[in-house]
Amino acid sequence: MNIKTEVLIIGGGPVGMSMAAELRYQGIDCILIEKTDGVVRDPKVSTVGYRSMEFCRRWGISDSIRNAGWDKNHTLDVAWVTSVGEHEIFRVKLPSYAERTQPNYAPETEQVCPQHWFAPEFLNFLGVYPQGIVKLNSELENFNHSDSGIVASIKNLETGNTETIEAKYMVAADGARAQIRKQCGVDAVEYHETQTFQSVVFQAPELASQLGDIDSKAERNAMVFFLVNPIIQEPLRAVDGKGQYRLILKPKENGEIHDAYTAIKAAISIDTPVEIISNLPWRLTHRVAKQFRYRNIFFIGDCAHTLSPSGGFGMNTGIGDAVDLGWKLAATIKGWGGENLLDTYETERRPIAVQNLEAANANLQRTQKRGIPPEIASNSPKGEAIRKQMAEGMEKSGVKKEFDAPGVHLGLRYKSPIVIADEIPLLDNSQDWTQSSYPGCRAPHAWLKPGLSTLDLFGHGFTLMCFNSNSNSNSGIEQLTKICHQKQIPLTTHQINNPEIAQLYERAFVLVRPDGHVAWRGDEIPQDVEFIIDRVRGAETVNS
């Protein structure tokens, strides 16, 4: 049986699912191939970041992600301890979702949603083929590619039957093994040495209540415990807030994994019932593909880049890939995207992958380079002095930024031929990030009215934000609208009569792309407006 579609997606993890969600949002036919039955049995801890939650809002599923199962009253604190239930060295207090106020820079907060909750929400949203998009228990056997498209052989792992899917484009979201990328002959650059870790997932249903009962005057529970003792210097994290935890370890020097119960006993000083779910080694690589595209095949997520989990940037970087590529594929398939538009996927996303890789590695190195004196866990005055000194060092080094980093999630700026930058460059500083309408940046969020963000105006085409009601500007707006109509480029204009939002957007006119990033801005619409619109849709060749 032959099936035809516009885009074939290989891999049904969070990034592949996001790719399908964005393409469907853009009105593009696609099929997603996933070799499992869709059930996540070894859930990774996933915090869906600010920008990813904004995309979930765009697709209409942010409320579903928030209601997937995490208790809104569960603490989000991060604590450094000699062991859980013993000496606490330092604590980053973060308000629970029930206590949290909405930030002024985003319509959504981040959300803890482990993958065994995240995946079903997306699967329900996208639907199972043929009524929906996702073909479960299916595997890519082989494929042929040409300039005209992709012909893929797909095997049903339940029946053993094979079928052929023809598509204009294929998106590889097949994870860190990156089999499709490797078949295309595309290598990845290794930025830091590979490390081996061990992941122990276990149930400890009484632990949270026991921690609450230890000292009624001070909260002892946390979402993440960083263990600081001579045996373990790695994190223990609540996976679902309901008694499931994940302990990360460095294996023994000879490479053998630790006994799970012995490791948990070293990490938790409280006598509490424990049931092991899994105890597996895994390799941490820091790699970014040399290319993000090979002909009509595109690489996203872990297939394109692997990051340290420190800071939680990996999945969110992949979801950013999906949205950047998604609108560009849609524009090209619909005919209004220029011939150079798809090349800018790599131009824009590869530097972001490298940037986020280094940010995650900096978080990892901060933990691994910390010296651990053997007396740190002792009850002696020396032990107390060591813990106090370490706490002061953590305060000065700003460890909080690993767990509250809106600048990493929202402060990225694209530099590419389809972004028309100002003559005066913008200094990059994600640590002291503030919203900006500088070209390439995510357009600023502000509430137009309760429940309606400026970000809700963007999505299916270009959006012109107008903050100048001067009648002299009308001819420029009319000319831009006329050109877009002639070229069948979707454009909406919004006159915003709010001085505070106008100040936030900094210019009288701001042209925003479908992904919510600023393409161009100015205090007047220039006469060469056709050149501008051709440039930002990838129809003009720009000499670098």
Protein backbone atom coordinates (compact mmCIF):
# COMPACT_ATOMS: atom_id res chain seq x y z
CA MET A 1 0.00 0.00 0.00
CA ASN A 2 1.29 3.44 -0.98
CA ILE A 3 0.54 6.46 1.21
CA LYS A 4 1.29 10.05 0.18
CA THR A 5 1.87 12.93 2.56
CA GLU A 6 3.67 16.26 2.58
CA VAL A 7 6.03 15.57 5.51
CA LEU A 8 7.12 12.25 7.04
CA ILE A 9 8.33 12.51 10.65
CA ILE A 10 10.43 9.70 12.11
CA GLY A 11 10.34 9.48 15.92
CA GLY A 12 7.51 10.10 18.36
CA GLY A 13 9.33 11.61 21.33
CA PRO A 14 8.44 15.10 22.58
CA VAL A 15 10.27 16.79 19.70
CA GLY A 16 8.75 14.63 16.96
CA MET A 17 5.30 15.14 18.47
CA SER A 18 5.92 18.91 18.55
CA MET A 19 6.93 18.80 14.89
CA ALA A 20 3.64 17.11 14.04
CA ALA A 21 1.70 19.60 16.19
CA GLU A 22 3.28 22.59 14.44
CA LEU A 23 2.72 21.19 10.96
CA ARG A 24 -0.92 20.43 11.71
CA TYR A 25 -1.30 23.93 13.17
CA GLN A 26 0.06 25.28 9.88
CA GLY A 27 -2.39 23.14 7.89
CA ILE A 28 0.23 20.75 6.48
CA ASP A 29 -0.48 17.04 6.01
CA CYS A 30 2.05 14.86 7.82
CA ILE A 31 2.51 11.37 9.24
CA LEU A 32 4.61 10.50 12.30
CA ILE A 33 6.24 7.08 12.60
CA GLU A 34 6.88 5.74 16.12
CA LYS A 35 8.31 2.27 16.72
CA THR A 36 6.87 1.84 20.25
CA ASP A 37 3.27 1.49 21.39
CA GLY A 38 3.43 5.06 22.70
CA VAL A 39 3.71 4.09 26.38
CA VAL A 40 6.71 5.64 28.17
CA ARG A 41 7.99 3.08 30.67
CA ASP A 42 11.16 4.83 31.83
CA PRO A 43 10.10 8.47 32.10
CA LYS A 44 12.67 11.19 31.81
CA VAL A 45 12.02 14.18 34.01
CA SER A 46 10.86 16.94 31.73
CA THR A 47 10.30 20.53 32.64
CA VAL A 48 8.51 22.13 29.72
CA GLY A 49 10.21 25.53 29.53
CA TYR A 50 8.69 28.98 29.08
CA ARG A 51 9.02 29.07 25.30
CA SER A 52 7.84 25.48 24.87
CA MET A 53 4.77 26.25 26.97
CA GLU A 54 4.11 29.27 24.76
CA PHE A 55 4.12 26.90 21.78
CA CYS A 56 1.79 24.53 23.62
CA ARG A 57 -0.47 27.54 24.15
CA ARG A 58 -0.27 28.22 20.40
CA TRP A 59 -1.36 24.62 19.67
CA GLY A 60 -4.11 24.74 22.30
CA ILE A 61 -2.72 22.17 24.75
CA SER A 62 -0.99 24.21 27.46
CA ASP A 63 -3.85 23.60 29.91
CA SER A 64 -3.64 19.85 29.23
CA ILE A 65 0.09 19.87 30.02
CA ARG A 66 -0.55 21.80 33.25
CA ASN A 67 -3.26 19.37 34.30
CA ALA A 68 -1.36 16.21 33.32
CA GLY A 69 -0.69 15.20 36.92
CA TRP A 70 1.87 17.34 38.74
CA ASP A 71 0.44 18.60 42.04
CA LYS A 72 0.37 22.40 41.82
CA ASN A 73 1.11 22.57 45.57
CA HIS A 74 4.24 20.39 45.34
CA THR A 75 7.42 22.25 46.24
CA LEU A 76 9.72 23.26 43.40
CA ASP A 77 12.64 23.99 45.74
CA VAL A 78 16.18 22.80 45.00
CA ALA A 79 18.24 21.77 48.04
CA TRP A 80 21.91 20.82 48.42
CA VAL A 81 22.21 18.23 51.18
CA THR A 82 24.81 15.84 52.56
CA SER A 83 22.04 13.27 52.18
CA VAL A 84 18.28 13.51 52.03
CA GLY A 85 17.03 14.01 55.58
CA GLU A 86 20.48 14.98 56.93
CA HIS A 87 22.38 18.29 56.77
CA GLU A 88 21.04 20.91 54.39
CA ILE A 89 23.75 23.14 52.94
CA PHE A 90 21.86 25.50 50.68
CA ARG A 91 18.36 25.90 49.27
CA VAL A 92 16.96 27.74 46.28
CA LYS A 93 13.37 28.52 47.14
CA LEU A 94 11.06 28.52 44.17
CA PRO A 95 7.31 29.05 44.60
CA SER A 96 5.02 26.16 43.75
CA TYR A 97 2.69 26.57 40.79
CA ALA A 98 -0.14 27.32 43.22
CA GLU A 99 1.91 30.16 44.75
CA ARG A 100 3.55 31.44 41.58
CA THR A 101 2.56 34.77 40.07
CA GLN A 102 2.58 35.22 36.31
CA PRO A 103 5.86 36.77 35.11
CA ASN A 104 5.58 40.03 33.21
CA TYR A 105 7.62 38.62 30.31
CA ALA A 106 5.54 35.55 29.36
CA PRO A 107 1.91 34.44 29.16
CA GLU A 108 2.90 30.98 30.45
CA THR A 109 5.16 29.70 33.20
CA GLU A 110 7.25 26.56 32.73
CA GLN A 111 5.66 23.28 33.84
CA VAL A 112 7.01 20.03 35.26
CA CYS A 113 5.58 17.27 33.10
CA PRO A 114 7.52 13.96 32.95
CA GLN A 115 7.44 12.19 29.63
CA HIS A 116 5.04 9.45 30.68
CA TRP A 117 2.45 12.23 31.11
CA PHE A 118 3.67 14.47 28.29
CA ALA A 119 3.50 11.74 25.62
CA PRO A 120 -0.15 10.72 26.21
CA GLU A 121 -1.30 14.35 26.11
CA PHE A 122 0.32 14.81 22.71
CA LEU A 123 -0.88 11.43 21.46
CA ASN A 124 -4.46 12.28 22.42
CA PHE A 125 -4.06 15.66 20.76
CA LEU A 126 -2.58 14.35 17.48
CA GLY A 127 -4.54 11.10 17.28
CA VAL A 128 -3.55 7.64 16.07
CA TYR A 129 -3.45 6.95 12.34
CA PRO A 130 -5.56 6.77 10.20
CA GLN A 131 -7.94 9.15 12.02
CA GLY A 132 -4.90 10.97 13.42
CA ILE A 133 -1.27 11.57 12.52
CA VAL A 134 0.70 9.01 14.57
CA LYS A 135 1.47 5.48 13.30
CA LEU A 136 2.48 3.46 16.37
CA ASN A 137 4.43 0.17 16.37
CA SER A 138 5.94 1.21 13.05
CA GLU A 139 9.57 1.41 12.02
CA LEU A 140 11.48 2.97 9.15
CA GLU A 141 13.17 0.12 7.27
CA ASN A 142 14.80 2.12 4.50
CA PHE A 143 14.31 5.18 2.36
CA ASN A 144 15.32 6.70 -0.96
CA HIS A 145 15.70 10.42 -1.37
CA SER A 146 15.88 12.70 -4.39
CA ASP A 147 15.30 16.35 -5.11
CA SER A 148 11.64 15.53 -5.72
CA GLY A 149 11.10 13.91 -2.32
CA ILE A 150 11.31 10.83 -0.13
CA VAL A 151 10.13 7.25 -0.65
CA ALA A 152 10.19 5.32 2.65
CA SER A 153 9.50 1.70 3.49
CA ILE A 154 7.68 1.37 6.82
CA LYS A 155 7.30 -1.92 8.70
CA ASN A 156 4.47 -2.63 11.11
CA LEU A 157 6.15 -4.34 14.06
CA GLU A 158 2.94 -6.09 15.12
CA THR A 159 1.97 -7.63 11.78
CA GLY A 160 5.32 -7.63 9.96
CA ASN A 161 3.68 -5.99 6.94
CA THR A 162 5.42 -3.20 5.07
CA GLU A 163 4.02 -0.20 3.28
CA THR A 164 5.46 2.68 1.28
CA ILE A 165 5.09 6.32 2.25
CA GLU A 166 5.93 9.04 -0.27
CA ALA A 167 6.61 12.53 1.06
CA LYS A 168 8.06 15.80 -0.14
CA TYR A 169 10.16 16.11 3.02
CA MET A 170 11.33 13.90 5.87
CA VAL A 171 12.11 15.11 9.39
CA ALA A 172 14.41 12.92 11.49
CA ALA A 173 13.47 13.07 15.17
CA ASP A 174 14.93 9.63 15.85
CA GLY A 175 16.94 10.59 18.93
CA ALA A 176 20.59 10.60 19.96
CA ARG A 177 21.46 7.48 17.93
CA ALA A 178 20.67 9.61 14.87
CA GLN A 179 20.50 6.67 12.49
CA ILE A 180 18.94 8.72 9.68
CA ARG A 181 21.52 11.49 10.00
CA LYS A 182 24.32 8.94 9.92
CA GLN A 183 22.82 7.26 6.85
CA CYS A 184 22.93 10.66 5.18
CA GLY A 185 26.67 10.84 5.95
CA VAL A 186 26.34 13.83 8.27
CA ASP A 187 28.70 13.79 11.28
CA ALA A 188 28.38 15.62 14.60
CA VAL A 189 30.97 17.79 16.33
CA GLU A 190 31.87 16.70 19.88
CA TYR A 191 32.26 19.76 22.10
CA HIS A 192 33.12 18.06 25.40
CA GLU A 193 34.21 14.64 26.53
CA THR A 194 31.56 11.92 26.73
CA GLN A 195 30.65 10.84 30.26
CA THR A 196 28.87 7.73 31.50
CA PHE A 197 26.16 7.97 34.15
CA GLN A 198 23.78 5.62 35.87
CA SER A 199 20.08 6.31 36.30
CA VAL A 200 18.13 4.68 39.13
CA VAL A 201 14.36 5.18 39.03
CA PHE A 202 12.51 4.08 42.16
CA GLN A 203 9.34 4.46 44.17
CA ALA A 204 9.56 5.86 47.69
CA PRO A 205 5.91 6.64 48.47
CA GLU A 206 6.45 7.68 52.11
CA LEU A 207 9.54 9.86 51.65
CA ALA A 208 7.82 13.21 51.08
CA SER A 209 5.60 12.89 54.16
CA GLN A 210 8.57 11.71 56.25
CA LEU A 211 10.55 14.78 55.21
CA GLY A 212 7.66 16.99 56.18
CA ASP A 213 7.51 15.37 59.64
CA ILE A 214 11.22 15.68 60.44
CA ASP A 215 11.11 19.33 61.43
CA SER A 216 7.76 21.05 61.60
CA LYS A 217 9.48 24.46 61.71
CA ALA A 218 11.23 24.10 58.35
CA GLU A 219 10.33 22.46 55.08
CA ARG A 220 12.74 19.64 54.28
CA ASN A 221 11.20 18.38 51.07
CA ALA A 222 12.39 19.54 47.64
CA MET A 223 11.84 18.81 43.98
CA VAL A 224 15.58 18.32 43.42
CA PHE A 225 18.16 17.25 46.00
CA PHE A 226 21.79 17.73 45.03
CA LEU A 227 23.78 15.24 47.06
CA VAL A 228 27.03 16.61 48.42
CA ASN A 229 29.04 13.91 50.15
CA PRO A 230 32.25 11.97 49.40
CA ILE A 231 30.26 9.08 47.86
CA ILE A 232 27.64 10.84 45.71
CA GLN A 233 27.73 14.30 44.14
CA GLU A 234 24.78 13.97 41.80
CA PRO A 235 21.06 14.90 41.84
CA LEU A 236 18.06 13.02 43.17
CA ARG A 237 14.85 14.38 41.70
CA ALA A 238 11.14 13.88 42.17
CA VAL A 239 9.85 12.58 38.84
CA ASP A 240 6.10 12.89 39.27
CA GLY A 241 5.62 14.42 42.72
CA LYS A 242 3.77 11.26 43.75
CA GLY A 243 6.59 9.12 45.15
CA GLN A 244 8.66 8.35 42.06
CA TYR A 245 12.27 9.54 42.05
CA ARG A 246 15.32 9.42 39.79
CA LEU A 247 18.84 9.20 41.22
CA ILE A 248 21.74 9.99 38.90
CA LEU A 249 25.11 8.41 39.69
CA LYS A 250 28.58 8.13 38.24
CA PRO A 251 29.34 4.41 37.77
CA LYS A 252 32.25 2.78 39.56
CA GLU A 253 35.77 3.44 38.29
CA ASN A 254 35.77 0.05 36.54
CA GLY A 255 32.58 1.02 34.70
CA GLU A 256 30.24 -1.26 36.65
CA ILE A 257 26.95 0.22 37.81
CA HIS A 258 26.27 0.57 41.53
CA ASP A 259 23.82 -1.64 43.35
CA ALA A 260 20.63 0.42 43.34
CA TYR A 261 19.62 -0.20 46.96
CA THR A 262 23.12 0.57 48.26
CA ALA A 263 23.19 3.82 46.28
CA ILE A 264 19.77 4.89 47.52
CA LYS A 265 20.84 4.18 51.10
CA ALA A 266 23.85 6.47 50.61
CA ALA A 267 21.59 9.16 49.19
CA ILE A 268 18.74 8.98 51.73
CA SER A 269 19.48 8.82 55.45
CA ILE A 270 15.83 8.13 56.33
CA ASP A 271 14.56 4.58 56.67
CA THR A 272 11.86 4.53 54.00
CA PRO A 273 10.31 1.79 51.83
CA VAL A 274 11.84 1.68 48.33
CA GLU A 275 10.95 -0.23 45.14
CA ILE A 276 13.39 -0.17 42.22
CA ILE A 277 11.83 0.47 38.80
CA SER A 278 14.98 0.62 36.66
CA ASN A 279 18.76 0.83 37.02
CA LEU A 280 20.40 1.69 33.72
CA PRO A 281 23.65 3.24 32.47
CA TRP A 282 23.55 6.07 29.93
CA ARG A 283 26.09 8.12 28.02
CA LEU A 284 26.12 11.89 28.13
CA THR A 285 27.40 13.37 24.89
CA HIS A 286 27.81 17.02 23.94
CA ARG A 287 27.40 16.99 20.18
CA VAL A 288 25.94 19.18 17.46
CA ALA A 289 25.50 17.97 13.89
CA LYS A 290 27.66 19.66 11.28
CA GLN A 291 24.57 20.10 9.13
CA PHE A 292 20.90 20.24 10.10
CA ARG A 293 19.75 19.45 6.57
CA TYR A 294 20.59 16.95 3.86
CA ARG A 295 18.64 17.64 0.68
CA ASN A 296 14.95 17.14 1.64
CA ILE A 297 15.77 15.58 5.02
CA PHE A 298 15.97 17.69 8.20
CA PHE A 299 17.39 16.79 11.62
CA ILE A 300 15.75 18.01 14.84
CA GLY A 301 16.06 17.39 18.57
CA ASP A 302 18.62 14.88 19.85
CA CYS A 303 19.25 13.75 16.28
CA ALA A 304 20.76 17.21 15.67
CA HIS A 305 22.21 17.99 19.11
CA THR A 306 22.73 16.30 22.49
CA LEU A 307 23.08 18.40 25.64
CA SER A 308 23.70 17.81 29.31
CA PRO A 309 20.36 17.62 31.17
CA SER A 310 21.70 20.21 33.64
CA GLY A 311 19.29 23.12 33.38
CA GLY A 312 16.68 21.26 31.35
CA PHE A 313 17.47 22.80 27.97
CA GLY A 314 17.61 19.68 25.77
CA MET A 315 13.97 18.91 25.02
CA ASN A 316 13.10 22.58 24.89
CA THR A 317 15.86 23.25 22.34
CA GLY A 318 14.36 20.46 20.21
CA ILE A 319 10.85 21.91 20.42
CA GLY A 320 12.33 25.22 19.23
CA ASP A 321 13.77 23.35 16.23
CA ALA A 322 10.34 21.97 15.40
CA VAL A 323 8.62 25.37 15.33
CA ASP A 324 11.39 27.08 13.35
CA LEU A 325 11.38 24.31 10.76
CA GLY A 326 7.61 23.87 10.85
CA TRP A 327 6.59 27.31 9.63
CA LYS A 328 9.31 27.28 6.98
CA LEU A 329 8.18 23.93 5.61
CA ALA A 330 4.59 25.19 5.60
CA ALA A 331 5.51 28.40 3.77
CA THR A 332 7.50 26.45 1.18
CA ILE A 333 4.80 23.83 0.61
CA LYS A 334 2.10 26.51 0.31
CA GLY A 335 4.24 28.38 -2.22
CA TRP A 336 4.89 31.71 -0.50
CA GLY A 337 8.21 30.78 1.08
CA GLY A 338 11.27 31.76 -0.96
CA GLU A 339 13.78 29.30 -2.40
CA ASN A 340 16.30 30.11 0.35
CA LEU A 341 13.89 29.84 3.28
CA LEU A 342 14.55 26.20 4.25
CA ASP A 343 18.32 26.80 4.31
CA THR A 344 17.81 29.25 7.17
CA TYR A 345 16.63 26.44 9.47
CA GLU A 346 20.25 25.39 9.98
CA THR A 347 21.50 28.98 9.90
CA GLU A 348 19.22 29.92 12.77
CA ARG A 349 19.00 26.78 14.89
CA ARG A 350 22.56 25.42 14.86
CA PRO A 351 24.05 28.41 16.76
CA ILE A 352 21.23 28.13 19.32
CA ALA A 353 22.06 24.43 19.83
CA VAL A 354 25.72 25.26 20.47
CA GLN A 355 24.77 28.14 22.77
CA ASN A 356 22.41 25.97 24.85
CA LEU A 357 24.92 23.09 24.89
CA GLU A 358 27.50 25.37 26.48
CA ALA A 359 24.98 26.77 28.97
CA ALA A 360 24.03 23.23 30.04
CA ASN A 361 27.67 22.16 30.29
CA ALA A 362 28.48 25.18 32.46
CA ASN A 363 25.79 24.00 34.88
CA LEU A 364 27.23 20.47 34.82
CA GLN A 365 30.79 21.68 35.41
CA ARG A 366 29.71 23.87 38.32
CA THR A 367 28.58 20.72 40.11
CA GLN A 368 31.42 18.44 39.07
CA LYS A 369 34.24 20.83 39.93
CA ARG A 370 33.00 21.42 43.47
CA GLY A 371 35.45 20.04 46.04
CA ILE A 372 33.89 17.78 48.71
CA PRO A 373 35.84 17.65 52.00
CA PRO A 374 35.35 14.30 53.81
CA GLU A 375 34.17 16.06 56.99
CA ILE A 376 31.25 17.80 55.24
CA ALA A 377 28.65 15.44 56.71
CA SER A 378 30.03 15.42 60.25
CA ASN A 379 28.21 17.00 63.21
CA SER A 380 31.44 18.63 64.37
CA PRO A 381 32.14 22.39 64.35
CA LYS A 382 34.47 21.76 61.39
CA GLY A 383 31.68 20.09 59.44
CA GLU A 384 29.34 22.97 60.20
CA ALA A 385 31.98 25.50 59.10
CA ILE A 386 32.56 23.64 55.82
CA ARG A 387 28.84 23.61 55.04
CA LYS A 388 28.53 27.31 55.84
CA GLN A 389 31.47 28.19 53.62
CA MET A 390 30.04 26.12 50.76
CA ALA A 391 26.65 27.79 51.12
CA GLU A 392 28.26 31.22 50.87
CA GLY A 393 30.07 30.15 47.73
CA MET A 394 26.84 28.87 46.16
CA GLU A 395 25.10 32.14 46.93
CA LYS A 396 27.89 34.15 45.29
CA SER A 397 28.14 31.90 42.22
CA GLY A 398 24.43 32.26 41.49
CA VAL A 399 23.45 28.60 41.36
CA LYS A 400 19.81 29.68 41.09
CA LYS A 401 20.28 30.53 37.40
CA GLU A 402 20.39 26.81 36.54
CA PHE A 403 16.79 26.45 37.72
CA ASP A 404 15.39 29.85 36.78
CA ALA A 405 16.83 30.79 33.39
CA PRO A 406 14.21 32.66 31.34
CA GLY A 407 17.03 34.26 29.34
CA VAL A 408 18.11 30.89 27.96
CA HIS A 409 14.54 29.92 27.02
CA LEU A 410 13.28 33.28 25.79
CA GLY A 411 16.38 35.41 25.12
CA LEU A 412 17.67 33.70 21.99
CA ARG A 413 18.14 35.83 18.88
CA TYR A 414 18.28 34.55 15.32
CA LYS A 415 20.91 35.95 12.97
CA SER A 416 20.22 34.94 9.40
CA PRO A 417 19.54 36.27 5.89
CA ILE A 418 15.80 36.45 6.62
CA VAL A 419 16.27 38.77 9.61
CA ILE A 420 16.91 42.46 8.88
CA ALA A 421 18.96 43.67 11.82
CA ASP A 422 19.22 47.26 12.99
CA GLU A 423 22.31 49.24 12.12
CA ILE A 424 23.24 49.35 15.82
CA PRO A 425 23.98 45.80 17.05
CA LEU A 426 22.31 44.30 20.10
CA LEU A 427 24.60 43.05 22.85
CA ASP A 428 23.80 39.45 23.81
CA ASN A 429 23.40 38.89 27.54
CA SER A 430 21.01 36.09 28.43
CA GLN A 431 21.84 36.37 32.14
CA ASP A 432 20.45 39.91 32.37
CA TRP A 433 17.81 39.32 29.74
CA THR A 434 14.94 41.67 29.13
CA GLN A 435 12.31 41.55 26.39
CA SER A 436 13.25 43.26 23.15
CA SER A 437 11.81 43.78 19.69
CA TYR A 438 15.29 43.73 18.16
CA PRO A 439 15.12 41.76 14.88
CA GLY A 440 15.67 38.06 15.47
CA CYS A 441 14.39 38.19 19.05
CA ARG A 442 11.12 36.69 20.23
CA ALA A 443 8.58 39.49 20.01
CA PRO A 444 7.72 40.84 23.47
CA HIS A 445 4.76 39.56 25.45
CA ALA A 446 2.22 41.97 26.87
CA TRP A 447 -1.42 41.52 27.79
CA LEU A 448 -3.73 43.22 25.30
CA LYS A 449 -6.66 42.28 27.53
CA PRO A 450 -7.21 39.53 30.10
CA GLY A 451 -6.35 36.20 28.49
CA LEU A 452 -5.05 37.71 25.21
CA SER A 453 -1.29 38.12 24.83
CA THR A 454 0.49 39.87 22.00
CA LEU A 455 1.99 36.43 21.33
CA ASP A 456 -1.50 35.11 20.56
CA LEU A 457 -1.56 37.35 17.46
CA PHE A 458 1.26 35.45 15.77
CA GLY A 459 1.26 32.08 14.05
CA HIS A 460 0.10 31.42 10.50
CA GLY A 461 1.74 34.24 8.57
CA PHE A 462 3.50 37.55 9.04
CA THR A 463 2.04 40.06 11.49
CA LEU A 464 2.60 43.81 11.30
CA MET A 465 2.34 45.46 14.72
CA CYS A 466 1.49 49.14 14.23
CA PHE A 467 2.01 51.63 17.05
CA ASN A 468 1.74 54.78 14.92
CA SER A 469 -1.75 55.97 14.06
CA ASN A 470 -0.42 58.83 11.89
CA SER A 471 -2.38 58.98 8.64
CA ASN A 472 0.90 59.45 6.73
CA SER A 473 1.73 55.85 7.57
CA ASN A 474 -1.36 54.45 5.89
CA SER A 475 0.15 54.49 2.40
CA GLY A 476 3.10 52.38 3.57
CA ILE A 477 0.81 49.87 5.26
CA GLU A 478 -1.39 49.74 2.17
CA GLN A 479 1.63 49.13 -0.07
CA LEU A 480 2.90 46.31 2.19
CA THR A 481 -0.56 44.74 2.27
CA LYS A 482 -0.89 44.99 -1.52
CA ILE A 483 2.47 43.32 -2.16
CA CYS A 484 1.74 40.50 0.27
CA HIS A 485 -1.65 39.94 -1.38
CA GLN A 486 -0.05 39.81 -4.83
CA LYS A 487 2.53 37.27 -3.68
CA GLN A 488 -0.07 35.30 -1.66
CA ILE A 489 1.89 35.90 1.56
CA PRO A 490 -0.38 35.76 4.62
CA LEU A 491 -0.26 39.07 6.49
CA THR A 492 -2.34 40.52 9.29
CA THR A 493 -1.98 44.02 10.70
CA HIS A 494 -2.81 45.15 14.21
CA GLN A 495 -3.07 48.74 15.36
CA ILE A 496 -2.06 48.79 19.03
CA ASN A 497 -3.13 51.95 20.87
CA ASN A 498 -1.38 51.24 24.15
CA PRO A 499 1.57 53.48 25.11
CA GLU A 500 3.12 50.88 27.42
CA ILE A 501 3.10 48.17 24.75
CA ALA A 502 4.37 50.69 22.20
CA GLN A 503 7.29 51.47 24.50
CA LEU A 504 7.98 47.74 24.92
CA TYR A 505 8.03 47.25 21.13
CA GLU A 506 10.38 50.26 20.71
CA ARG A 507 9.47 51.10 17.08
CA ALA A 508 6.38 52.37 15.26
CA PHE A 509 6.24 49.24 13.08
CA VAL A 510 7.36 45.70 13.95
CA LEU A 511 7.02 42.86 11.46
CA VAL A 512 6.74 39.48 13.22
CA ARG A 513 7.27 36.04 11.64
CA PRO A 514 4.93 33.06 12.09
CA ASP A 515 7.18 31.69 14.85
CA GLY A 516 6.82 34.90 16.86
CA HIS A 517 10.32 36.23 16.14
CA VAL A 518 10.83 39.76 14.83
CA ALA A 519 11.79 39.90 11.14
CA TRP A 520 12.10 43.69 10.76
CA ARG A 521 11.25 46.90 12.61
CA GLY A 522 11.33 50.62 11.90
CA ASP A 523 9.72 53.96 12.65
CA GLU A 524 8.40 54.17 9.12
CA ILE A 525 7.68 51.71 6.34
CA PRO A 526 10.31 52.33 3.65
CA GLN A 527 9.65 52.63 -0.07
CA ASP A 528 11.56 49.41 -0.80
CA VAL A 529 8.99 47.41 1.16
CA GLU A 530 8.89 44.72 -1.55
CA PHE A 531 12.58 44.02 -1.00
CA ILE A 532 11.93 43.71 2.74
CA ILE A 533 9.09 41.22 2.36
CA ASP A 534 11.06 39.16 -0.17
CA ARG A 535 14.05 39.18 2.16
CA VAL A 536 12.18 37.96 5.25
CA ARG A 537 10.43 35.16 3.32
CA GLY A 538 13.72 33.83 1.93
CA ALA A 539 13.26 34.98 -1.67
CA GLU A 540 16.28 37.29 -1.76
CA THR A 541 19.89 36.11 -1.80
CA VAL A 542 21.94 38.07 0.71
CA ASN A 543 25.70 38.21 0.38
CA SER A 544 27.38 37.72 3.72
